[in-house]
Every structure is written in structure tokens, then in C-alpha cells.
Amino acid sequence: MPTILQILLSEVILIGISVFLLWKPELVWKLEHFLDVKGGEPTDFYTGNVRLLGTLMLVGAIVLPFILLAITD
């Protein structure tokens, strides 16, 4: 079973990624496509999906420790 330190580390990583996805979806697009497209822009559909993914990851990061603690008891 994961230790408290492993749970906290995974929480920090998940929260960091999810906040990045929520605040900077355009930068995520540029990081994904910097070799594919020259001067392109992400669509509204893409940025909406990236923000949705960030929201789901943030909710998962909040719920995950409770699930892990319930399993270990």
C-alpha cells in the first residue's frame, strides 16, 4: 500500500498539472504542437476540453486520498 509521503507527492503533482491545464490551455497546445504547426492557434473546443481535463484531474486529486485511506482501513 502507498505511504502517506507517496500519496502527498502524487497529490502535489496532480494538483500542479491540473492547475496548469486550467490556467494555460494555450500553452499546453503550444507544447504539444510546436513542431507540427507554425503560427497556428488552438480552437475553442480544444481549450474547453483541456480545461475540462484539468477540472476532472483536480477533483480526482481531491478525492483520491479519501479513497486510498478508506481502502487501507
Foldseek 3Di string as FASTA:
>chain_A
DDDPVVLVVVLVVLLVQLVCLQPCVFVVVCVVCVPPDDPDGDDPVSSVVSNVVSVVSNVCSVCVVVVVVVVVD
